[in-house]
Amino acid sequence: MTHSPAAPFPGGEPRAKATRPDAGPGPGAPGRDRSDRREAPRPDRQDAPRPDRPDRHDRADAPRSGEPRPASAAVRPASPAAARPASPFAAARPASVASARLAASRSGSPRSGGAHTPLGSDAGSGALRRALSTTMLADVDRLTDRAVDDIRAHSGTYAADAPVTRDDLWEICRDNLLRALEDFGGLAPTGGDFERAARETGRRRAEQGVPLDTVLQAYRRGGRVLWQVMAEHLRARAGREADSRDVELDMASGVWETIDRYSVAMADEYRLAQLELQSRQDTRRVALFEALLDGRADDPAVASAAAAALGVPAYDRYVVVVAAQDPAAPPHPAPVLEARGMWSFWRPRSGRYAGIVRLPRRDTPAGGPAAGPRGSADPAAHALLDVLRELTGATAGISPEFERLSHAGRALRLAEQTLRTLPAGSGEAAAFDDRLAQVLLSGRSDIAERIVTVHLGPVLATGGERAALLTTLRVWLDHGCSAARAAELLYCHRNTVLNRIGRIAELTGRSSESGEARLGWALALRALPYAGLGDSPEPAAGEYEVDGT
């Protein structure tokens, strides 16, 4: 629609200007209207702007800042743009600094009509955010459906319906979107603080065991859907042509700032819940481990719960190890054993470390003999002994192997008895089956003393010969009663070994060729550390040294 500047309203008839016949052409003539300076409008002239020049409503016509406007100045009619309905998202908003500078560079005056005020100031941005949030909250269920579909389409964990069902995901998504829109729009919260939904999400997903990366991806997908829907509203609003880039950038920044804050709140709560869960799981695991060692696992429910908490089967190859707390040794051998492929779980107990070790399966035919820790057919048991001796430096006793996890209590007692037979701080590891005689004698010092007195009493009374005779006897018995082999280990002549064995036979009144005599001597040597006769415990293998020849 076109109209003449002389018409007071669009569509009105043009009026002829009234002029005084005696008016002179001078600019200072009294009563002369400023509009007379312009050429009278021609009937055939159109007011529509030409394509190659700006609309004359955009050209500067107002006086400069601070200059009074003459009362007789012609008031220009409103632009047709003023007739357009204003967007609810853009009403009553002041112009931004950037938009004002742009308008000033183009026309030198504000746009006439005021159909849309560019976004920029805090007050204007807040008004638009409130309008957007209010509009989207009215349709939050459909927004939730869209977000849920997008998350399930891009995540196999959520699409699997386990452990997070679709109803659970929908409920959490709706709560988060509701709080995010209220927060984004500066609206009053309807359900506590804004970040409550994010924290609840983090805690619930941690309890369900959903990986944190998967939850964060869901937040990003939900934020993407939220921005997509918001952008659709922004594109559909009236007057977006003037500052759509400013609006969309400002709104996008606000949306992702909100999503980022909610993601951080969710992740923090997730990690906190994970630590609490881990602490509770550790406490429960320790309690069930103690129940195993205390012998309370005869109850099938306790045994099953302990196996589940420890993450091992109820039936497998197990041994119990009890290690002395040596300051020079590691606190427990778990890291070293794990590096060798052996699972173990350890806890301090009565000044020692007690652990259950799961041995690797051995390739033994069905019905074949079960090898003990020192058995030739059991390399895993050999490896356990080697690790404890060479890599941990701990003095440790090992129980016999058992299959049922519920038998750990009995195995603990046997491992403790084995440890008591070893010299303190020796760094020696031994299996129960290799220390049967010592285990038998260590708890009965009176019997041990009697065995030593009956079988080796006269030898102990020899004084200076005593150490050489006892050491030679031990080496000779440990190596099949071979004088040649004993001589090699003792760095002496074979005849020296034979002479010493003959001397022991003479003192004890027993023949060195008698199996009964040899058994008595061997038992007495093992009982010697527990007889309370003031002698040092038996030396370890390879430590035989004798003074003289």
Protein backbone atom coordinates (compact mmCIF):
# COMPACT_ATOMS: atom_id res chain seq x y z
CA MET A 1 0.00 0.00 0.00
CA THR A 2 1.31 3.45 -0.88
CA HIS A 3 0.37 6.78 0.51
CA SER A 4 1.33 10.37 0.23
CA PRO A 5 3.24 12.16 2.95
CA ALA A 6 0.48 14.75 2.94
CA ALA A 7 -2.16 12.19 3.84
CA PRO A 8 -2.70 11.93 7.60
CA PHE A 9 -3.61 8.19 7.40
CA PRO A 10 -2.78 5.53 4.89
CA GLY A 11 -5.42 5.45 2.16
CA GLY A 12 -6.58 9.08 2.77
CA GLU A 13 -7.08 11.65 -0.03
CA PRO A 14 -4.13 13.99 -0.67
CA ARG A 15 -4.64 17.61 0.49
CA ALA A 16 -3.32 20.70 -1.21
CA LYS A 17 -0.97 22.74 0.87
CA ALA A 18 -2.32 26.16 1.97
CA THR A 19 0.04 29.05 1.04
CA ARG A 20 -0.24 32.77 1.55
CA PRO A 21 -0.18 34.75 -1.72
CA ASP A 22 2.04 37.42 -0.22
CA ALA A 23 4.57 34.91 1.13
CA GLY A 24 8.01 35.61 -0.15
CA PRO A 25 10.59 33.08 -1.15
CA GLY A 26 12.97 33.97 1.67
CA PRO A 27 13.64 31.41 4.29
CA GLY A 28 12.98 33.84 7.11
CA ALA A 29 9.41 34.72 6.12
CA PRO A 30 7.17 34.61 9.19
CA GLY A 31 4.73 31.73 9.51
CA ARG A 32 6.35 29.83 6.68
CA ASP A 33 6.15 26.08 7.14
CA ARG A 34 9.40 24.12 6.71
CA SER A 35 7.56 21.70 4.52
CA ASP A 36 7.14 24.49 1.92
CA ARG A 37 10.82 24.15 1.11
CA ARG A 38 10.12 20.83 -0.56
CA GLU A 39 8.58 20.39 -3.90
CA ALA A 40 4.84 19.83 -3.86
CA PRO A 41 3.93 16.21 -4.43
CA ARG A 42 2.96 15.18 -7.92
CA PRO A 43 -0.10 13.01 -8.35
CA ASP A 44 1.80 10.47 -10.40
CA ARG A 45 4.60 10.10 -7.87
CA GLN A 46 4.71 6.82 -5.90
CA ASP A 47 5.85 6.67 -2.27
CA ALA A 48 7.07 3.05 -2.40
CA PRO A 49 10.84 2.83 -1.98
CA ARG A 50 12.93 2.03 -5.01
CA PRO A 51 14.89 -1.23 -4.96
CA ASP A 52 18.20 0.57 -5.39
CA ARG A 53 17.74 3.06 -2.55
CA PRO A 54 16.75 2.74 1.09
CA ASP A 55 13.27 3.35 2.32
CA ARG A 56 12.89 7.03 3.01
CA HIS A 57 11.43 6.14 6.35
CA ASP A 58 14.97 4.98 7.21
CA ARG A 59 16.57 8.27 6.20
CA ALA A 60 17.49 10.84 8.83
CA ASP A 61 14.83 13.46 9.25
CA ALA A 62 14.99 14.19 12.95
CA PRO A 63 17.14 16.95 14.34
CA ARG A 64 20.54 16.05 15.78
CA SER A 65 20.84 15.16 19.43
CA GLY A 66 20.33 18.18 21.66
CA GLU A 67 18.76 20.34 18.89
CA PRO A 68 15.15 21.42 19.58
CA ARG A 69 12.61 20.34 17.03
CA PRO A 70 10.49 23.20 15.62
CA ALA A 71 6.89 23.05 16.62
CA SER A 72 5.84 23.54 13.01
CA ALA A 73 7.84 20.62 11.72
CA ALA A 74 5.79 18.23 9.68
CA VAL A 75 5.09 14.98 11.42
CA ARG A 76 5.82 12.06 9.11
CA PRO A 77 3.21 9.31 9.04
CA ALA A 78 4.01 5.87 10.47
CA SER A 79 5.68 3.27 8.28
CA PRO A 80 3.58 0.36 7.06
CA ALA A 81 5.82 -1.83 9.17
CA ALA A 82 4.05 -0.49 12.22
CA ALA A 83 0.90 -2.26 11.13
CA ARG A 84 2.55 -5.72 11.44
CA PRO A 85 1.73 -7.63 14.64
CA ALA A 86 4.67 -7.77 17.07
CA SER A 87 6.05 -11.17 18.20
CA PRO A 88 5.30 -12.09 21.81
CA PHE A 89 8.99 -12.98 22.12
CA ALA A 90 10.11 -9.48 21.07
CA ALA A 91 7.63 -7.10 22.69
CA ALA A 92 8.75 -4.24 24.90
CA ARG A 93 12.49 -4.82 24.55
CA PRO A 94 15.06 -2.03 24.30
CA ALA A 95 17.51 -1.94 21.42
CA SER A 96 20.91 -3.51 21.93
CA VAL A 97 24.09 -1.52 21.62
CA ALA A 98 25.16 -3.45 18.54
CA SER A 99 21.78 -3.03 16.82
CA ALA A 100 21.65 0.67 17.68
CA ARG A 101 25.08 1.21 16.17
CA LEU A 102 24.05 -0.65 13.06
CA ALA A 103 20.91 1.45 12.71
CA ALA A 104 22.87 4.63 13.28
CA SER A 105 25.36 3.71 10.58
CA ARG A 106 22.56 3.07 8.12
CA SER A 107 20.14 5.93 8.76
CA GLY A 108 21.30 8.10 11.60
CA SER A 109 17.98 7.68 13.43
CA PRO A 110 15.93 4.92 15.04
CA ARG A 111 13.67 2.81 12.85
CA SER A 112 10.15 4.12 12.73
CA GLY A 113 7.25 1.90 13.68
CA GLY A 114 9.03 -0.22 16.39
CA ALA A 115 7.70 -3.59 15.09
CA HIS A 116 10.65 -5.56 16.60
CA THR A 117 13.32 -4.47 19.00
CA PRO A 118 16.68 -6.24 18.52
CA LEU A 119 17.89 -8.51 21.36
CA GLY A 120 20.97 -7.67 23.35
CA SER A 121 20.47 -6.15 26.75
CA ASP A 122 20.04 -8.33 29.81
CA ALA A 123 16.47 -7.21 30.27
CA GLY A 124 15.53 -8.02 26.67
CA SER A 125 17.27 -11.38 26.73
CA GLY A 126 15.44 -12.28 29.94
CA ALA A 127 12.07 -11.39 28.42
CA LEU A 128 12.70 -13.56 25.39
CA ARG A 129 13.95 -16.43 27.55
CA ARG A 130 10.86 -16.28 29.71
CA ALA A 131 8.61 -16.27 26.65
CA LEU A 132 10.45 -19.21 25.08
CA SER A 133 10.49 -21.23 28.31
CA THR A 134 6.79 -20.60 28.98
CA THR A 135 5.86 -21.68 25.46
CA MET A 136 7.97 -24.87 25.58
CA LEU A 137 6.85 -25.80 29.10
CA ALA A 138 3.29 -25.92 27.84
CA ASP A 139 4.33 -28.80 25.56
CA VAL A 140 7.00 -30.42 27.73
CA ASP A 141 5.59 -33.95 27.35
CA ARG A 142 6.03 -33.88 23.57
CA LEU A 143 9.51 -32.42 24.03
CA THR A 144 10.30 -35.30 26.42
CA ASP A 145 9.10 -37.88 23.88
CA ARG A 146 11.37 -36.39 21.27
CA ALA A 147 14.38 -36.36 23.60
CA VAL A 148 13.79 -39.95 24.74
CA ASP A 149 13.53 -41.20 21.16
CA ASP A 150 16.75 -39.43 20.23
CA ILE A 151 18.67 -40.79 23.23
CA ARG A 152 17.52 -44.37 22.62
CA ALA A 153 18.36 -44.08 18.94
CA HIS A 154 21.97 -43.15 19.73
CA SER A 155 22.66 -45.35 22.78
CA GLY A 156 22.55 -49.12 22.89
CA THR A 157 22.53 -49.05 26.70
CA TYR A 158 19.30 -47.04 26.86
CA ALA A 159 17.77 -48.86 23.89
CA ALA A 160 18.25 -52.22 25.63
CA ASP A 161 15.73 -51.31 28.36
CA ALA A 162 18.11 -52.67 30.99
CA PRO A 163 19.03 -51.47 33.50
CA VAL A 164 17.20 -48.26 32.45
CA THR A 165 13.66 -48.83 31.20
CA ARG A 166 11.95 -46.44 28.81
CA ASP A 167 9.57 -45.27 31.53
CA ASP A 168 12.49 -44.55 33.84
CA LEU A 169 14.30 -42.64 31.09
CA TRP A 170 11.13 -40.69 30.21
CA GLU A 171 10.52 -39.69 33.82
CA ILE A 172 14.11 -38.53 34.34
CA CYS A 173 14.20 -36.67 31.00
CA ARG A 174 10.96 -34.83 31.73
CA ASP A 175 12.16 -33.78 35.16
CA ASN A 176 15.48 -32.53 33.77
CA LEU A 177 13.86 -30.66 30.87
CA LEU A 178 11.30 -29.08 33.18
CA ARG A 179 14.00 -27.79 35.56
CA ALA A 180 16.27 -26.71 32.71
CA LEU A 181 13.52 -24.65 31.04
CA GLU A 182 12.54 -23.03 34.34
CA ASP A 183 16.18 -22.24 35.03
CA PHE A 184 16.80 -20.97 31.51
CA GLY A 185 13.75 -18.72 31.56
CA GLY A 186 14.33 -17.35 35.04
CA LEU A 187 11.03 -18.84 36.23
CA ALA A 188 10.29 -19.88 39.78
CA PRO A 189 11.22 -23.52 40.44
CA THR A 190 8.25 -25.84 40.89
CA GLY A 191 10.11 -28.68 42.62
CA GLY A 192 12.97 -27.45 44.77
CA ASP A 193 16.27 -26.18 43.45
CA PHE A 194 16.93 -26.38 39.73
CA GLU A 195 19.84 -28.86 39.87
CA ARG A 196 17.98 -31.41 42.01
CA ALA A 197 16.90 -33.39 38.96
CA ALA A 198 20.47 -33.53 37.65
CA ARG A 199 21.81 -34.75 40.99
CA GLU A 200 19.07 -37.35 41.26
CA THR A 201 19.91 -38.56 37.76
CA GLY A 202 23.60 -38.94 38.62
CA ARG A 203 22.88 -40.89 41.79
CA ARG A 204 20.30 -43.20 40.18
CA ARG A 205 22.49 -44.02 37.18
CA ALA A 206 25.47 -44.72 39.43
CA GLU A 207 23.36 -47.14 41.46
CA GLN A 208 22.17 -48.79 38.24
CA GLY A 209 25.75 -49.19 37.03
CA VAL A 210 25.32 -47.12 33.86
CA PRO A 211 28.73 -45.77 32.73
CA LEU A 212 29.20 -42.05 33.32
CA ASP A 213 30.17 -41.47 29.67
CA THR A 214 26.83 -42.94 28.58
CA VAL A 215 24.90 -40.64 30.93
CA LEU A 216 26.84 -37.58 29.72
CA GLN A 217 26.10 -38.55 26.12
CA ALA A 218 22.39 -38.69 26.99
CA TYR A 219 22.64 -35.17 28.43
CA ARG A 220 24.25 -33.93 25.22
CA ARG A 221 21.54 -35.56 23.11
CA GLY A 222 18.82 -34.08 25.32
CA GLY A 223 20.44 -30.65 25.09
CA ARG A 224 20.60 -30.96 21.32
CA VAL A 225 16.88 -31.72 21.12
CA LEU A 226 16.12 -28.83 23.48
CA TRP A 227 18.03 -26.43 21.26
CA GLN A 228 16.42 -27.80 18.08
CA VAL A 229 12.92 -27.17 19.42
CA MET A 230 13.90 -23.75 20.71
CA ALA A 231 15.39 -22.84 17.33
CA GLU A 232 12.13 -23.85 15.66
CA HIS A 233 10.27 -21.39 17.89
CA LEU A 234 12.83 -18.68 17.19
CA ARG A 235 12.58 -19.13 13.43
CA ALA A 236 8.78 -19.00 13.57
CA ARG A 237 8.55 -15.75 15.50
CA ALA A 238 7.66 -12.49 13.82
CA GLY A 239 10.36 -9.97 13.05
CA ARG A 240 13.30 -12.37 13.23
CA GLU A 241 14.76 -11.00 9.97
CA ALA A 242 16.26 -8.00 11.71
CA ASP A 243 18.41 -9.79 14.29
CA SER A 244 18.02 -13.54 13.92
CA ARG A 245 21.74 -14.12 14.19
CA ASP A 246 22.00 -12.13 17.42
CA VAL A 247 19.00 -13.92 18.91
CA GLU A 248 20.05 -17.43 17.96
CA LEU A 249 23.61 -16.95 19.17
CA ASP A 250 22.42 -15.51 22.45
CA MET A 251 19.85 -18.25 23.01
CA ALA A 252 22.26 -21.03 21.98
CA SER A 253 24.82 -19.75 24.45
CA GLY A 254 22.22 -19.73 27.21
CA VAL A 255 20.93 -23.22 26.42
CA TRP A 256 24.35 -24.86 26.37
CA GLU A 257 25.44 -23.00 29.47
CA THR A 258 22.42 -24.46 31.26
CA ILE A 259 23.07 -27.97 29.89
CA ASP A 260 26.73 -27.71 30.87
CA ARG A 261 25.88 -26.75 34.46
CA TYR A 262 23.38 -29.59 34.73
CA SER A 263 25.93 -32.05 33.29
CA VAL A 264 28.54 -30.99 35.83
CA ALA A 265 26.05 -31.30 38.69
CA MET A 266 25.00 -34.75 37.47
CA ALA A 267 28.62 -35.95 37.04
CA ASP A 268 29.64 -34.69 40.49
CA GLU A 269 26.74 -36.50 42.14
CA TYR A 270 27.44 -39.62 40.06
CA ARG A 271 31.05 -39.76 41.29
CA LEU A 272 30.00 -39.10 44.88
CA ALA A 273 27.38 -41.87 44.70
CA GLN A 274 29.93 -44.18 43.10
CA LEU A 275 32.34 -43.59 46.00
CA GLU A 276 29.58 -44.25 48.51
CA LEU A 277 28.56 -47.42 46.69
CA GLN A 278 32.17 -48.55 46.51
CA SER A 279 32.57 -47.93 50.22
CA ARG A 280 29.44 -49.92 51.01
CA GLN A 281 30.53 -52.72 48.69
CA ASP A 282 33.99 -52.81 50.26
CA THR A 283 32.47 -52.94 53.73
CA ARG A 284 30.15 -55.77 52.72
CA ARG A 285 32.97 -57.62 50.96
CA VAL A 286 35.21 -57.40 54.02
CA ALA A 287 32.40 -58.55 56.30
CA LEU A 288 31.70 -61.60 54.13
CA PHE A 289 35.43 -62.36 53.84
CA GLU A 290 35.68 -62.32 57.63
CA ALA A 291 32.66 -64.63 57.78
CA LEU A 292 34.50 -67.09 55.53
CA LEU A 293 37.63 -67.05 57.68
CA ASP A 294 35.62 -67.31 60.90
CA GLY A 295 34.01 -70.52 59.64
CA ARG A 296 30.51 -69.05 59.34
CA ALA A 297 30.17 -69.99 55.68
CA ASP A 298 28.59 -73.37 56.44
CA ASP A 299 25.35 -71.54 55.78
CA PRO A 300 24.90 -71.82 51.98
CA ALA A 301 23.45 -68.30 51.86
CA VAL A 302 26.60 -66.86 53.45
CA ALA A 303 28.87 -68.83 51.14
CA SER A 304 26.91 -67.75 48.06
CA ALA A 305 26.88 -64.09 49.14
CA ALA A 306 30.62 -64.19 49.88
CA ALA A 307 31.39 -65.67 46.47
CA ALA A 308 29.28 -63.01 44.75
CA ALA A 309 30.85 -60.17 46.77
CA LEU A 310 34.37 -61.39 46.06
CA GLY A 311 33.59 -62.06 42.42
CA VAL A 312 34.76 -65.69 42.41
CA PRO A 313 32.95 -69.04 42.05
CA ALA A 314 31.90 -70.96 45.13
CA TYR A 315 33.79 -74.02 43.83
CA ASP A 316 37.32 -73.70 42.47
CA ARG A 317 40.97 -74.17 43.46
CA TYR A 318 41.75 -72.15 46.59
CA VAL A 319 44.39 -71.91 49.29
CA VAL A 320 44.62 -69.63 52.32
CA VAL A 321 47.90 -67.81 52.93
CA VAL A 322 48.86 -66.20 56.25
CA ALA A 323 51.83 -63.83 56.06
CA ALA A 324 53.67 -62.09 58.87
CA GLN A 325 53.58 -58.30 58.76
CA ASP A 326 57.23 -57.73 58.01
CA PRO A 327 58.11 -54.00 57.74
CA ALA A 328 60.62 -54.83 55.02
CA ALA A 329 58.02 -56.71 52.93
CA PRO A 330 54.99 -55.39 51.03
CA PRO A 331 51.80 -55.11 53.14
CA HIS A 332 50.24 -57.93 51.16
CA PRO A 333 51.15 -59.81 47.99
CA ALA A 334 47.98 -59.07 45.97
CA PRO A 335 49.60 -56.85 43.29
CA VAL A 336 52.46 -59.30 42.76
CA LEU A 337 50.12 -62.28 42.56
CA GLU A 338 47.76 -60.46 40.21
CA ALA A 339 50.67 -59.84 37.85
CA ARG A 340 51.17 -63.62 37.78
CA GLY A 341 47.52 -64.28 36.98
CA MET A 342 46.41 -65.25 40.49
CA TRP A 343 43.36 -63.62 42.08
CA SER A 344 43.62 -62.95 45.80
CA PHE A 345 41.87 -60.99 48.53
CA TRP A 346 43.70 -59.93 51.69
CA ARG A 347 42.89 -58.35 55.03
CA PRO A 348 44.94 -57.64 58.17
CA ARG A 349 44.05 -60.08 60.91
CA SER A 350 45.56 -60.39 64.39
CA GLY A 351 48.83 -58.74 63.46
CA ARG A 352 49.14 -60.71 60.22
CA TYR A 353 47.78 -60.63 56.71
CA ALA A 354 45.37 -63.39 55.75
CA GLY A 355 44.39 -63.95 52.15
CA ILE A 356 42.46 -66.33 49.93
CA VAL A 357 44.31 -67.15 46.70
CA ARG A 358 42.61 -68.64 43.69
CA LEU A 359 44.97 -70.97 41.82
CA PRO A 360 44.77 -71.40 38.03
CA ARG A 361 43.21 -74.60 36.81
CA ARG A 362 45.70 -77.41 36.27
CA ASP A 363 45.53 -79.80 33.36
CA THR A 364 44.99 -82.97 35.39
CA PRO A 365 42.96 -85.83 33.87
CA ALA A 366 39.66 -86.55 35.52
CA GLY A 367 40.15 -88.94 38.42
CA GLY A 368 43.90 -88.23 38.58
CA PRO A 369 45.68 -87.61 41.86
CA ALA A 370 45.40 -84.14 43.32
CA ALA A 371 48.78 -82.56 43.75
CA GLY A 372 49.57 -80.44 46.79
CA PRO A 373 51.40 -77.12 46.67
CA ARG A 374 54.67 -78.99 46.17
CA GLY A 375 53.25 -81.62 43.85
CA SER A 376 55.15 -82.21 40.64
CA ALA A 377 51.94 -81.93 38.62
CA ASP A 378 51.00 -78.52 39.99
CA PRO A 379 53.06 -75.66 38.53
CA ALA A 380 50.60 -73.08 39.90
CA ALA A 381 51.41 -74.09 43.49
CA HIS A 382 55.13 -73.93 42.72
CA ALA A 383 54.61 -70.46 41.24
CA LEU A 384 52.79 -69.32 44.38
CA LEU A 385 55.64 -70.45 46.60
CA ASP A 386 58.21 -68.81 44.34
CA VAL A 387 56.33 -65.51 44.29
CA LEU A 388 55.96 -65.43 48.06
CA ARG A 389 59.62 -66.30 48.62
CA GLU A 390 61.35 -64.29 45.93
CA LEU A 391 59.12 -61.30 45.19
CA THR A 392 57.38 -60.43 48.43
CA GLY A 393 59.98 -61.32 51.03
CA ALA A 394 57.19 -62.20 53.45
CA THR A 395 57.31 -65.13 55.84
CA ALA A 396 54.17 -67.05 54.96
CA GLY A 397 52.36 -70.30 55.62
CA ILE A 398 50.12 -71.88 52.98
CA SER A 399 47.17 -74.15 53.69
CA PRO A 400 46.35 -77.32 51.77
CA GLU A 401 44.29 -76.77 48.64
CA PHE A 402 40.49 -76.84 48.99
CA GLU A 403 37.63 -76.59 46.51
CA ARG A 404 34.68 -75.19 48.45
CA LEU A 405 35.01 -71.54 49.39
CA SER A 406 33.08 -72.29 52.58
CA HIS A 407 36.08 -74.35 53.82
CA ALA A 408 38.27 -71.24 54.10
CA GLY A 409 37.94 -71.14 57.91
CA ARG A 410 39.54 -74.56 58.40
CA ALA A 411 42.22 -73.73 55.84
CA LEU A 412 43.06 -70.54 57.76
CA ARG A 413 43.88 -72.51 60.91
CA LEU A 414 46.19 -74.85 59.00
CA ALA A 415 47.98 -71.92 57.32
CA GLU A 416 48.50 -70.28 60.72
CA GLN A 417 49.97 -73.52 62.10
CA THR A 418 52.32 -73.66 59.12
CA LEU A 419 53.48 -70.09 59.73
CA ARG A 420 54.27 -70.88 63.37
CA THR A 421 56.78 -73.49 62.23
CA LEU A 422 58.84 -70.92 60.31
CA PRO A 423 61.54 -68.70 61.84
CA ALA A 424 60.30 -65.13 62.29
CA GLY A 425 61.59 -62.71 59.67
CA SER A 426 63.17 -65.49 57.61
CA GLY A 427 61.24 -64.61 54.44
CA GLU A 428 60.51 -68.31 53.99
CA ALA A 429 57.22 -69.57 52.58
CA ALA A 430 56.10 -73.12 53.22
CA ALA A 431 53.11 -75.31 52.51
CA PHE A 432 51.32 -77.18 55.26
CA ASP A 433 51.91 -80.56 53.65
CA ASP A 434 55.67 -79.93 53.67
CA ARG A 435 55.71 -79.13 57.39
CA LEU A 436 53.54 -81.89 58.83
CA ALA A 437 56.04 -83.07 61.43
CA GLN A 438 56.82 -79.51 62.49
CA VAL A 439 53.13 -78.65 62.70
CA LEU A 440 52.55 -81.73 64.83
CA LEU A 441 55.38 -80.91 67.22
CA SER A 442 55.05 -77.13 67.39
CA GLY A 443 51.97 -77.30 69.58
CA ARG A 444 53.32 -79.93 71.99
CA SER A 445 56.62 -78.79 73.40
CA ASP A 446 56.64 -81.55 76.05
CA ILE A 447 56.40 -84.27 73.41
CA ALA A 448 59.01 -82.52 71.28
CA GLU A 449 61.42 -82.39 74.23
CA ARG A 450 60.95 -86.11 74.92
CA ILE A 451 61.57 -87.08 71.28
CA VAL A 452 64.84 -85.09 71.23
CA THR A 453 66.00 -86.59 74.53
CA VAL A 454 65.32 -90.19 73.49
CA HIS A 455 66.86 -90.04 70.02
CA LEU A 456 69.60 -87.38 70.25
CA GLY A 457 70.19 -86.77 73.97
CA PRO A 458 73.78 -88.14 74.08
CA VAL A 459 74.70 -86.13 70.97
CA LEU A 460 73.51 -82.88 72.57
CA ALA A 461 75.71 -83.60 75.56
CA THR A 462 78.94 -83.77 73.54
CA GLY A 463 79.64 -80.07 73.78
CA GLY A 464 82.13 -79.06 71.03
CA GLU A 465 81.17 -81.85 68.61
CA ARG A 466 77.48 -81.10 68.86
CA ALA A 467 77.04 -78.51 66.05
CA ALA A 468 79.13 -80.45 63.51
CA LEU A 469 77.41 -83.75 64.30
CA LEU A 470 73.85 -82.34 64.10
CA THR A 471 74.49 -80.45 60.86
CA THR A 472 76.11 -83.46 59.20
CA LEU A 473 73.25 -85.70 60.30
CA ARG A 474 70.64 -83.29 58.89
CA VAL A 475 72.36 -83.00 55.50
CA TRP A 476 72.97 -86.75 55.30
CA LEU A 477 69.30 -87.55 56.05
CA ASP A 478 67.92 -84.86 53.73
CA HIS A 479 69.91 -86.25 50.77
CA GLY A 480 69.07 -89.92 50.90
CA CYS A 481 71.77 -90.87 53.40
CA SER A 482 74.40 -90.32 50.69
CA ALA A 483 77.84 -89.60 52.16
CA ALA A 484 79.18 -88.38 48.82
CA ARG A 485 76.37 -85.83 48.31
CA ALA A 486 76.60 -84.64 51.92
CA ALA A 487 80.36 -84.18 51.55
CA GLU A 488 79.84 -81.96 48.50
CA LEU A 489 77.39 -79.73 50.37
CA LEU A 490 79.51 -79.58 53.53
CA TYR A 491 82.81 -79.01 51.65
CA CYS A 492 84.50 -81.93 53.37
CA HIS A 493 85.76 -85.43 52.52
CA ARG A 494 83.33 -88.33 52.17
CA ASN A 495 85.12 -90.22 54.95
CA THR A 496 84.53 -87.24 57.28
CA VAL A 497 80.80 -87.63 56.77
CA LEU A 498 80.97 -91.38 57.42
CA ASN A 499 83.04 -90.86 60.58
CA ARG A 500 80.53 -88.36 61.98
CA ILE A 501 77.55 -90.60 61.24
CA GLY A 502 79.40 -93.49 62.94
CA ARG A 503 80.05 -91.28 65.96
CA ILE A 504 76.30 -90.46 66.24
CA ALA A 505 75.42 -94.16 66.01
CA GLU A 506 77.93 -94.91 68.73
CA LEU A 507 76.58 -92.21 71.06
CA THR A 508 72.90 -93.12 70.59
CA GLY A 509 73.44 -96.87 70.50
CA ARG A 510 71.57 -97.21 67.18
CA SER A 511 72.72 -98.51 63.80
CA SER A 512 72.93 -96.00 60.94
CA GLU A 513 71.58 -98.69 58.62
CA SER A 514 68.35 -99.05 60.63
CA GLY A 515 65.25 -97.39 59.21
CA GLU A 516 63.86 -97.00 62.72
CA ALA A 517 67.02 -95.18 63.84
CA ARG A 518 66.96 -92.88 60.83
CA LEU A 519 63.27 -92.05 61.44
CA GLY A 520 63.94 -91.28 65.10
CA TRP A 521 66.90 -89.04 64.25
CA ALA A 522 64.92 -87.15 61.57
CA LEU A 523 61.98 -86.62 63.92
CA ALA A 524 64.26 -85.43 66.71
CA LEU A 525 65.94 -82.91 64.40
CA ARG A 526 62.53 -81.45 63.51
CA ALA A 527 61.42 -81.38 67.12
CA LEU A 528 64.59 -79.65 68.29
CA PRO A 529 63.36 -76.04 67.69
CA TYR A 530 60.20 -76.71 69.75
CA ALA A 531 61.80 -78.69 72.62
CA GLY A 532 62.79 -75.62 74.62
CA LEU A 533 66.40 -76.75 74.95
CA GLY A 534 67.89 -73.42 73.87
CA ASP A 535 68.85 -74.45 70.36
CA SER A 536 68.22 -72.29 67.33
CA PRO A 537 65.57 -73.36 64.84
CA GLU A 538 66.66 -75.61 62.04
CA PRO A 539 68.60 -73.89 59.24
CA ALA A 540 67.08 -73.40 55.84
CA ALA A 541 68.16 -75.54 52.93
CA GLY A 542 71.49 -74.53 51.43
CA GLU A 543 72.75 -72.93 54.65
CA TYR A 544 74.81 -75.87 55.94
CA GLU A 545 78.25 -74.79 57.15
CA VAL A 546 80.52 -76.76 59.45
CA ASP A 547 83.71 -75.74 61.20
CA GLY A 548 86.58 -78.16 60.64
CA THR A 549 86.76 -81.15 58.36
